[in-house]
């Protein structure tokens, strides 16, 4: 019984860290819209993405997969 509680604790921590990774990566990304600059067309000059944004997108994807799997395992191991 104690072993299952330890496994649940590990997946709970993993779930928390994955959700934190999703939230922080999303908040640190540069805004995709250019606000009022889009009206005059000045936003269409540079369409390339910064490498940090591509990295943060990848972190969000990996964290999302880890979050989904750990949440599913936590649902399976829930206390009865």
PDB file of N, CA and C in Angstrom:
ATOM      1  N   UNK A   1       0.824  -1.194   0.000  1.00  0.00           N
ATOM      2  CA  UNK A   1       0.000   0.000   0.000  1.00  0.00           C
ATOM      3  C   UNK A   1       0.868   1.258   0.000  1.00  0.00           C
ATOM      4  N   UNK A   2       1.927   1.243   0.762  1.00  0.00           N
ATOM      5  CA  UNK A   2       2.812   2.391   0.840  1.00  0.00           C
ATOM      6  C   UNK A   2       3.523   2.624  -0.491  1.00  0.00           C
ATOM      7  N   UNK A   3       3.786   1.541  -1.227  1.00  0.00           N
ATOM      8  CA  UNK A   3       4.453   1.661  -2.516  1.00  0.00           C
ATOM      9  C   UNK A   3       3.579   2.394  -3.525  1.00  0.00           C
ATOM     10  N   UNK A   4       2.280   2.144  -3.504  1.00  0.00           N
ATOM     11  CA  UNK A   4       1.363   2.829  -4.420  1.00  0.00           C
ATOM     12  C   UNK A   4       1.286   4.314  -4.077  1.00  0.00           C
ATOM     13  N   UNK A   5       1.328   4.638  -2.813  1.00  0.00           N
ATOM     14  CA  UNK A   5       1.307   6.050  -2.408  1.00  0.00           C
ATOM     15  C   UNK A   5       2.564   6.773  -2.882  1.00  0.00           C
ATOM     16  N   UNK A   6       3.697   6.094  -2.853  1.00  0.00           N
ATOM     17  CA  UNK A   6       4.933   6.701  -3.340  1.00  0.00           C
ATOM     18  C   UNK A   6       4.877   6.933  -4.846  1.00  0.00           C
ATOM     19  N   UNK A   7       4.312   5.983  -5.577  1.00  0.00           N
ATOM     20  CA  UNK A   7       4.171   6.135  -7.023  1.00  0.00           C
ATOM     21  C   UNK A   7       3.226   7.286  -7.335  1.00  0.00           C
ATOM     22  N   UNK A   8       2.117   7.381  -6.591  1.00  0.00           N
ATOM     23  CA  UNK A   8       1.182   8.489  -6.781  1.00  0.00           C
ATOM     24  C   UNK A   8       1.845   9.830  -6.497  1.00  0.00           C
ATOM     25  N   UNK A   9       2.685   9.882  -5.464  1.00  0.00           N
ATOM     26  CA  UNK A   9       3.379  11.119  -5.133  1.00  0.00           C
ATOM     27  C   UNK A   9       4.331  11.526  -6.258  1.00  0.00           C
ATOM     28  N   UNK A  10       5.034  10.572  -6.831  1.00  0.00           N
ATOM     29  CA  UNK A  10       5.956  10.864  -7.932  1.00  0.00           C
ATOM     30  C   UNK A  10       5.187  11.419  -9.130  1.00  0.00           C
ATOM     31  N   UNK A  11       4.061  10.778  -9.474  1.00  0.00           N
ATOM     32  CA  UNK A  11       3.290  11.249 -10.615  1.00  0.00           C
ATOM     33  C   UNK A  11       2.581  12.562 -10.325  1.00  0.00           C
ATOM     34  N   UNK A  12       2.242  12.812  -9.070  1.00  0.00           N
ATOM     35  CA  UNK A  12       1.650  14.092  -8.699  1.00  0.00           C
ATOM     36  C   UNK A  12       2.664  15.223  -8.860  1.00  0.00           C
ATOM     37  N   UNK A  13       3.892  14.986  -8.447  1.00  0.00           N
ATOM     38  CA  UNK A  13       4.954  15.983  -8.621  1.00  0.00           C
ATOM     39  C   UNK A  13       5.239  16.200 -10.103  1.00  0.00           C
ATOM     40  N   UNK A  14       5.285  15.115 -10.870  1.00  0.00           N
ATOM     41  CA  UNK A  14       5.508  15.209 -12.312  1.00  0.00           C
ATOM     42  C   UNK A  14       4.375  15.981 -12.992  1.00  0.00           C
ATOM     43  N   UNK A  15       3.159  15.755 -12.551  1.00  0.00           N
ATOM     44  CA  UNK A  15       1.994  16.466 -13.077  1.00  0.00           C
ATOM     45  C   UNK A  15       2.090  17.963 -12.787  1.00  0.00           C
ATOM     46  N   UNK A  16       2.485  18.284 -11.573  1.00  0.00           N
ATOM     47  CA  UNK A  16       2.638  19.688 -11.182  1.00  0.00           C
ATOM     48  C   UNK A  16       3.728  20.375 -11.995  1.00  0.00           C
ATOM     49  N   UNK A  17       4.877  19.717 -12.160  1.00  0.00           N
ATOM     50  CA  UNK A  17       5.986  20.311 -12.913  1.00  0.00           C
ATOM     51  C   UNK A  17       5.630  20.478 -14.389  1.00  0.00           C
ATOM     52  N   UNK A  18       4.904  19.521 -14.944  1.00  0.00           N
ATOM     53  CA  UNK A  18       4.494  19.639 -16.343  1.00  0.00           C
ATOM     54  C   UNK A  18       3.515  20.802 -16.523  1.00  0.00           C
ATOM     55  N   UNK A  19       2.583  20.954 -15.599  1.00  0.00           N
ATOM     56  CA  UNK A  19       1.636  22.071 -15.708  1.00  0.00           C
ATOM     57  C   UNK A  19       2.352  23.410 -15.531  1.00  0.00           C
ATOM     58  N   UNK A  20       3.314  23.436 -14.650  1.00  0.00           N
ATOM     59  CA  UNK A  20       4.111  24.651 -14.472  1.00  0.00           C
ATOM     60  C   UNK A  20       4.915  24.969 -15.733  1.00  0.00           C
ATOM     61  N   UNK A  21       5.446  23.931 -16.380  1.00  0.00           N
ATOM     62  CA  UNK A  21       6.184  24.124 -17.631  1.00  0.00           C
ATOM     63  C   UNK A  21       5.304  24.674 -18.735  1.00  0.00           C
ATOM     64  N   UNK A  22       4.069  24.191 -18.810  1.00  0.00           N
ATOM     65  CA  UNK A  22       3.137  24.684 -19.824  1.00  0.00           C
ATOM     66  C   UNK A  22       2.821  26.162 -19.578  1.00  0.00           C
ATOM     67  N   UNK A  23       2.510  26.493 -18.349  1.00  0.00           N
ATOM     68  CA  UNK A  23       2.109  27.868 -18.025  1.00  0.00           C
ATOM     69  C   UNK A  23       3.264  28.845 -18.241  1.00  0.00           C
ATOM     70  N   UNK A  24       4.438  28.514 -17.723  1.00  0.00           N
ATOM     71  CA  UNK A  24       5.570  29.442 -17.844  1.00  0.00           C
ATOM     72  C   UNK A  24       6.056  29.573 -19.280  1.00  0.00           C
ATOM     73  N   UNK A  25       6.072  28.477 -20.019  1.00  0.00           N
ATOM     74  CA  UNK A  25       6.502  28.557 -21.419  1.00  0.00           C
ATOM     75  C   UNK A  25       5.547  29.413 -22.233  1.00  0.00           C
ATOM     76  N   UNK A  26       4.273  29.292 -21.963  1.00  0.00           N
ATOM     77  CA  UNK A  26       3.296  30.107 -22.679  1.00  0.00           C
ATOM     78  C   UNK A  26       3.452  31.588 -22.327  1.00  0.00           C
ATOM     79  N   UNK A  27       3.702  31.873 -21.056  1.00  0.00           N
ATOM     80  CA  UNK A  27       3.830  33.275 -20.640  1.00  0.00           C
ATOM     81  C   UNK A  27       5.110  33.927 -21.147  1.00  0.00           C
ATOM     82  N   UNK A  28       6.177  33.149 -21.348  1.00  0.00           N
ATOM     83  CA  UNK A  28       7.445  33.717 -21.794  1.00  0.00           C
ATOM     84  C   UNK A  28       7.539  33.875 -23.306  1.00  0.00           C
ATOM     85  N   UNK A  29       6.567  33.376 -24.051  1.00  0.00           N
ATOM     86  CA  UNK A  29       6.596  33.535 -25.500  1.00  0.00           C
ATOM     87  C   UNK A  29       6.299  34.969 -25.881  1.00  0.00           C
ATOM     88  N   UNK A  30       6.867  35.371 -27.010  1.00  0.00           N
ATOM     89  CA  UNK A  30       6.577  36.706 -27.529  1.00  0.00           C
ATOM     90  C   UNK A  30       5.161  36.702 -28.091  1.00  0.00           C
ATOM     91  N   UNK A  31       4.467  37.820 -27.987  1.00  0.00           N
ATOM     92  CA  UNK A  31       3.109  37.866 -28.525  1.00  0.00           C
ATOM     93  C   UNK A  31       3.107  37.646 -30.038  1.00  0.00           C
ATOM     94  N   UNK A  32       2.134  36.887 -30.513  1.00  0.00           N
ATOM     95  CA  UNK A  32       2.073  36.575 -31.943  1.00  0.00           C
ATOM     96  C   UNK A  32       1.371  37.684 -32.726  1.00  0.00           C
ATOM     97  N   UNK A  33       0.494  38.429 -32.097  1.00  0.00           N
ATOM     98  CA  UNK A  33      -0.174  39.543 -32.761  1.00  0.00           C
ATOM     99  C   UNK A  33       0.637  40.806 -32.527  1.00  0.00           C
ATOM    100  N   UNK A  34       0.563  41.715 -33.462  1.00  0.00           N
ATOM    101  CA  UNK A  34       1.347  42.935 -33.323  1.00  0.00           C
ATOM    102  C   UNK A  34       0.490  44.137 -32.962  1.00  0.00           C
ATOM    103  N   UNK A  35      -0.707  43.895 -32.498  1.00  0.00           N
ATOM    104  CA  UNK A  35      -1.544  44.983 -32.015  1.00  0.00           C
ATOM    105  C   UNK A  35      -1.961  45.930 -33.122  1.00  0.00           C
ATOM    106  N   UNK A  36      -1.799  47.227 -32.903  1.00  0.00           N
ATOM    107  CA  UNK A  36      -2.220  48.229 -33.880  1.00  0.00           C
ATOM    108  C   UNK A  36      -1.294  48.291 -35.087  1.00  0.00           C
ATOM    109  N   UNK A  37      -0.123  47.685 -35.001  1.00  0.00           N
ATOM    110  CA  UNK A  37       0.783  47.665 -36.141  1.00  0.00           C
ATOM    111  C   UNK A  37       0.242  46.830 -37.283  1.00  0.00           C
ATOM    112  N   UNK A  38      -0.678  45.924 -37.005  1.00  0.00           N
ATOM    113  CA  UNK A  38      -1.259  45.088 -38.049  1.00  0.00           C
ATOM    114  C   UNK A  38      -2.196  45.885 -38.949  1.00  0.00           C
ATOM    115  N   UNK A  39      -2.699  47.004 -38.472  1.00  0.00           N
ATOM    116  CA  UNK A  39      -3.629  47.814 -39.271  1.00  0.00           C
ATOM    117  C   UNK A  39      -2.903  48.447 -40.445  1.00  0.00           C
ATOM    118  N   UNK A  40      -1.713  48.982 -40.203  1.00  0.00           N
ATOM    119  CA  UNK A  40      -0.991  49.678 -41.269  1.00  0.00           C
ATOM    120  C   UNK A  40      -0.168  48.727 -42.134  1.00  0.00           C
ATOM    121  N   UNK A  41      -0.062  47.479 -41.759  1.00  0.00           N
ATOM    122  CA  UNK A  41       0.687  46.531 -42.565  1.00  0.00           C
ATOM    123  C   UNK A  41       2.145  46.405 -42.172  1.00  0.00           C
ATOM    124  N   UNK A  42       2.557  47.099 -41.138  1.00  0.00           N
ATOM    125  CA  UNK A  42       3.958  47.034 -40.744  1.00  0.00           C
ATOM    126  C   UNK A  42       4.315  45.714 -40.084  1.00  0.00           C
ATOM    127  N   UNK A  43       3.311  44.950 -39.710  1.00  0.00           N
ATOM    128  CA  UNK A  43       3.572  43.670 -39.054  1.00  0.00           C
ATOM    129  C   UNK A  43       3.987  42.592 -40.044  1.00  0.00           C
ATOM    130  N   UNK A  44       3.781  42.824 -41.333  1.00  0.00           N
ATOM    131  CA  UNK A  44       4.089  41.799 -42.324  1.00  0.00           C
ATOM    132  C   UNK A  44       5.533  41.854 -42.800  1.00  0.00           C
ATOM    133  N   UNK A  45       6.325  42.741 -42.252  1.00  0.00           N
ATOM    134  CA  UNK A  45       7.713  42.870 -42.695  1.00  0.00           C
ATOM    135  C   UNK A  45       8.531  41.662 -42.249  1.00  0.00           C
ATOM    136  N   UNK A  46       8.450  41.326 -40.995  1.00  0.00           N
ATOM    137  CA  UNK A  46       9.234  40.212 -40.458  1.00  0.00           C
ATOM    138  C   UNK A  46       8.293  39.127 -39.959  1.00  0.00           C
ATOM    139  N   UNK A  47       8.290  37.991 -40.621  1.00  0.00           N
ATOM    140  CA  UNK A  47       7.438  36.883 -40.222  1.00  0.00           C
ATOM    141  C   UNK A  47       8.223  35.744 -39.583  1.00  0.00           C
ATOM    142  N   UNK A  48       9.543  35.845 -39.527  1.00  0.00           N
ATOM    143  CA  UNK A  48      10.340  34.749 -38.972  1.00  0.00           C
ATOM    144  C   UNK A  48      10.175  34.695 -37.454  1.00  0.00           C
ATOM    145  N   UNK A  49      10.246  33.476 -36.939  1.00  0.00           N
ATOM    146  CA  UNK A  49      10.103  33.279 -35.500  1.00  0.00           C
ATOM    147  C   UNK A  49      11.473  33.257 -34.848  1.00  0.00           C
ATOM    148  N   UNK A  50      11.509  33.697 -33.633  1.00  0.00           N
ATOM    149  CA  UNK A  50      12.753  33.662 -32.880  1.00  0.00           C
ATOM    150  C   UNK A  50      13.018  32.227 -32.422  1.00  0.00           C
ATOM    151  N   UNK A  51      14.277  31.856 -32.294  1.00  0.00           N
ATOM    152  CA  UNK A  51      14.583  30.483 -31.840  1.00  0.00           C
ATOM    153  C   UNK A  51      14.043  30.181 -30.444  1.00  0.00           C
ATOM    154  N   UNK A  52      13.975  31.185 -29.595  1.00  0.00           N
ATOM    155  CA  UNK A  52      13.467  30.943 -28.240  1.00  0.00           C
ATOM    156  C   UNK A  52      11.985  30.595 -28.278  1.00  0.00           C
ATOM    157  N   UNK A  53      11.245  31.190 -29.218  1.00  0.00           N
ATOM    158  CA  UNK A  53       9.819  30.862 -29.333  1.00  0.00           C
ATOM    159  C   UNK A  53       9.627  29.438 -29.834  1.00  0.00           C
ATOM    160  N   UNK A  54      10.478  29.006 -30.753  1.00  0.00           N
ATOM    161  CA  UNK A  54      10.399  27.623 -31.234  1.00  0.00           C
ATOM    162  C   UNK A  54      10.727  26.651 -30.106  1.00  0.00           C
ATOM    163  N   UNK A  55      11.718  27.009 -29.287  1.00  0.00           N
ATOM    164  CA  UNK A  55      12.074  26.171 -28.138  1.00  0.00           C
ATOM    165  C   UNK A  55      10.930  26.113 -27.129  1.00  0.00           C
ATOM    166  N   UNK A  56      10.305  27.242 -26.860  1.00  0.00           N
ATOM    167  CA  UNK A  56       9.195  27.276 -25.909  1.00  0.00           C
ATOM    168  C   UNK A  56       7.984  26.511 -26.434  1.00  0.00           C
ATOM    169  N   UNK A  57       7.767  26.552 -27.751  1.00  0.00           N
ATOM    170  CA  UNK A  57       6.702  25.730 -28.337  1.00  0.00           C
ATOM    171  C   UNK A  57       6.971  24.249 -28.109  1.00  0.00           C
ATOM    172  N   UNK A  58       8.212  23.848 -28.265  1.00  0.00           N
ATOM    173  CA  UNK A  58       8.580  22.444 -28.060  1.00  0.00           C
ATOM    174  C   UNK A  58       8.424  22.059 -26.585  1.00  0.00           C
ATOM    175  N   UNK A  59       8.777  22.960 -25.672  1.00  0.00           N
ATOM    176  CA  UNK A  59       8.604  22.698 -24.240  1.00  0.00           C
ATOM    177  C   UNK A  59       7.125  22.527 -23.907  1.00  0.00           C
ATOM    178  N   UNK A  60       6.265  23.342 -24.521  1.00  0.00           N
ATOM    179  CA  UNK A  60       4.828  23.224 -24.290  1.00  0.00           C
ATOM    180  C   UNK A  60       4.319  21.879 -24.788  1.00  0.00           C
ATOM    181  N   UNK A  61       4.775  21.448 -25.953  1.00  0.00           N
ATOM    182  CA  UNK A  61       4.334  20.163 -26.494  1.00  0.00           C
ATOM    183  C   UNK A  61       4.766  19.001 -25.607  1.00  0.00           C
ATOM    184  N   UNK A  62       6.014  18.995 -25.194  1.00  0.00           N
ATOM    185  CA  UNK A  62       6.523  17.907 -24.355  1.00  0.00           C
ATOM    186  C   UNK A  62       5.844  17.924 -22.990  1.00  0.00           C
ATOM    187  N   UNK A  63       5.682  19.111 -22.415  1.00  0.00           N
ATOM    188  CA  UNK A  63       5.014  19.215 -21.120  1.00  0.00           C
ATOM    189  C   UNK A  63       3.556  18.780 -21.214  1.00  0.00           C
ATOM    190  N   UNK A  64       2.914  19.068 -22.322  1.00  0.00           N
ATOM    191  CA  UNK A  64       1.529  18.655 -22.512  1.00  0.00           C
ATOM    192  C   UNK A  64       1.378  17.147 -22.557  1.00  0.00           C
ATOM    193  N   UNK A  65       2.304  16.483 -23.237  1.00  0.00           N
ATOM    194  CA  UNK A  65       2.267  15.018 -23.301  1.00  0.00           C
ATOM    195  C   UNK A  65       2.526  14.419 -21.918  1.00  0.00           C
ATOM    196  N   UNK A  66       3.525  14.956 -21.223  1.00  0.00           N
ATOM    197  CA  UNK A  66       3.834  14.468 -19.873  1.00  0.00           C
ATOM    198  C   UNK A  66       2.654  14.711 -18.941  1.00  0.00           C
ATOM    199  N   UNK A  67       2.021  15.864 -19.053  1.00  0.00           N
ATOM    200  CA  UNK A  67       0.862  16.186 -18.219  1.00  0.00           C
ATOM    201  C   UNK A  67      -0.287  15.221 -18.477  1.00  0.00           C
ATOM    202  N   UNK A  68      -0.567  14.948 -19.747  1.00  0.00           N
ATOM    203  CA  UNK A  68      -1.678  14.056 -20.086  1.00  0.00           C
ATOM    204  C   UNK A  68      -1.422  12.638 -19.577  1.00  0.00           C
ATOM    205  N   UNK A  69      -0.211  12.139 -19.771  1.00  0.00           N
ATOM    206  CA  UNK A  69       0.104  10.772 -19.341  1.00  0.00           C
ATOM    207  C   UNK A  69       0.086  10.661 -17.819  1.00  0.00           C
ATOM    208  N   UNK A  70       0.684  11.630 -17.134  1.00  0.00           N
ATOM    209  CA  UNK A  70       0.724  11.553 -15.669  1.00  0.00           C
ATOM    210  C   UNK A  70      -0.668  11.729 -15.063  1.00  0.00           C
ATOM    211  N   UNK A  71      -1.513  12.552 -15.679  1.00  0.00           N
ATOM    212  CA  UNK A  71      -2.877  12.706 -15.187  1.00  0.00           C
ATOM    213  C   UNK A  71      -3.670  11.421 -15.381  1.00  0.00           C
ATOM    214  N   UNK A  72      -3.470  10.754 -16.516  1.00  0.00           N
ATOM    215  CA  UNK A  72      -4.138   9.482 -16.762  1.00  0.00           C
ATOM    216  C   UNK A  72      -3.699   8.425 -15.744  1.00  0.00           C
ATOM    217  N   UNK A  73      -2.416   8.370 -15.464  1.00  0.00           N
ATOM    218  CA  UNK A  73      -1.908   7.402 -14.477  1.00  0.00           C
ATOM    219  C   UNK A  73      -2.429   7.737 -13.083  1.00  0.00           C
ATOM    220  N   UNK A  74      -2.512   9.025 -12.747  1.00  0.00           N
ATOM    221  CA  UNK A  74      -3.075   9.406 -11.453  1.00  0.00           C
ATOM    222  C   UNK A  74      -4.544   9.028 -11.345  1.00  0.00           C
ATOM    223  N   UNK A  75      -5.267   9.111 -12.444  1.00  0.00           N
ATOM    224  CA  UNK A  75      -6.682   8.708 -12.425  1.00  0.00           C
ATOM    225  C   UNK A  75      -6.807   7.206 -12.229  1.00  0.00           C
ATOM    226  N   UNK A  76      -5.888   6.449 -12.793  1.00  0.00           N
ATOM    227  CA  UNK A  76      -5.918   5.002 -12.633  1.00  0.00           C
ATOM    228  C   UNK A  76      -5.545   4.608 -11.206  1.00  0.00           C
ATOM    229  N   UNK A  77      -4.583   5.310 -10.623  1.00  0.00           N
ATOM    230  CA  UNK A  77      -4.092   4.976  -9.273  1.00  0.00           C
ATOM    231  C   UNK A  77      -4.828   5.737  -8.161  1.00  0.00           C
ATOM    232  N   UNK A  78      -5.969   6.298  -8.468  1.00  0.00           N
ATOM    233  CA  UNK A  78      -6.672   7.073  -7.436  1.00  0.00           C
ATOM    234  C   UNK A  78      -7.072   6.186  -6.273  1.00  0.00           C
ATOM    235  N   UNK A  79      -7.110   6.762  -5.081  1.00  0.00           N
ATOM    236  CA  UNK A  79      -7.503   5.969  -3.910  1.00  0.00           C
ATOM    237  C   UNK A  79      -8.987   5.613  -3.986  1.00  0.00           C
ATOM    238  N   UNK A  80      -9.291   4.430  -3.547  1.00  0.00           N
ATOM    239  CA  UNK A  80     -10.677   3.935  -3.632  1.00  0.00           C
ATOM    240  C   UNK A  80     -11.474   4.337  -2.427  1.00  0.00           C
TER     241      UNK A  80
END
